[in-house]
Amino acid sequence: MVKFLNLNDNSCVTMTTKDERLSFLEEMKDVKRIKKPNRAEVQAPKELTPGHLERQRSAVEKVVRDRNPLTADMVEPLKSHDVLSWQRPGVQHGVFRKLRLGQYPIEARLDLHRMTVEEARREVFSFIGDCVRYGLRSVIILHGKGERNPDGIAQLKSYVAKWLPELDSVLAFHSAQKHHGGTGAVYVMVRKSERDKQNNRERHGSR
């Protein structure tokens, strides 16, 4: 008795006679053994298509939207002793005078010393936004005088002078009094938030 392996289901076929064995071999003569494993071959394409390249480029070069409106370009250079002074139309003279003389309590301060221009740009934008959010009206920004610079240019001061009028929330600013940093700092008056305005209207309207 001879046993043969059935290639279809790996079971054994038993040959009981010589004729059956010869007949089986005749039928199986064209069958070849599978040399490779019975699994699909998945290979990455040798060349990336334009679509693949575009998707890669979009993922790598995706630009995060910059919501900071403050200019990053060159600005007019100011010197250490230049005085900063600016107010929006509608700001009362008496209010601006009190700001200039440092007579409003300083509710928050931002120190820009040792920052790069880009770092200061982000901090000033964020700081004024926080002041509006928390209802702070009178604050100070320390920008320095740049007295150690060989060219005498107060770089951060120059940018702050350009940035503050670009923010709608800023009503006025003026270089600080000497005891608060002099021309190396600036008082800033911040606009009331809509929430605070509404609270004032309700409070006055209730009287």
Foldseek 3Di string as FASTA:
>chain_A
DDWDADPPPRDIDDDDDPVVVVVVCVVCVPDDDDPDDPDDDDDDDPDDDPVRVVVVCCVVVVDDDDPQPQDPDDFDWDFLQDKQWDFDPPPDPVNSVCLQAVVDDAPEEAECPPHDLVVVSVVVSVVLVVCQVVVNFKHKYQQARCCVPPVRTSRSLRSVSRGQVVDPQWGIKIAHDVVVPGSRMMMTGGHHHPVVVVVVCVVVVVD
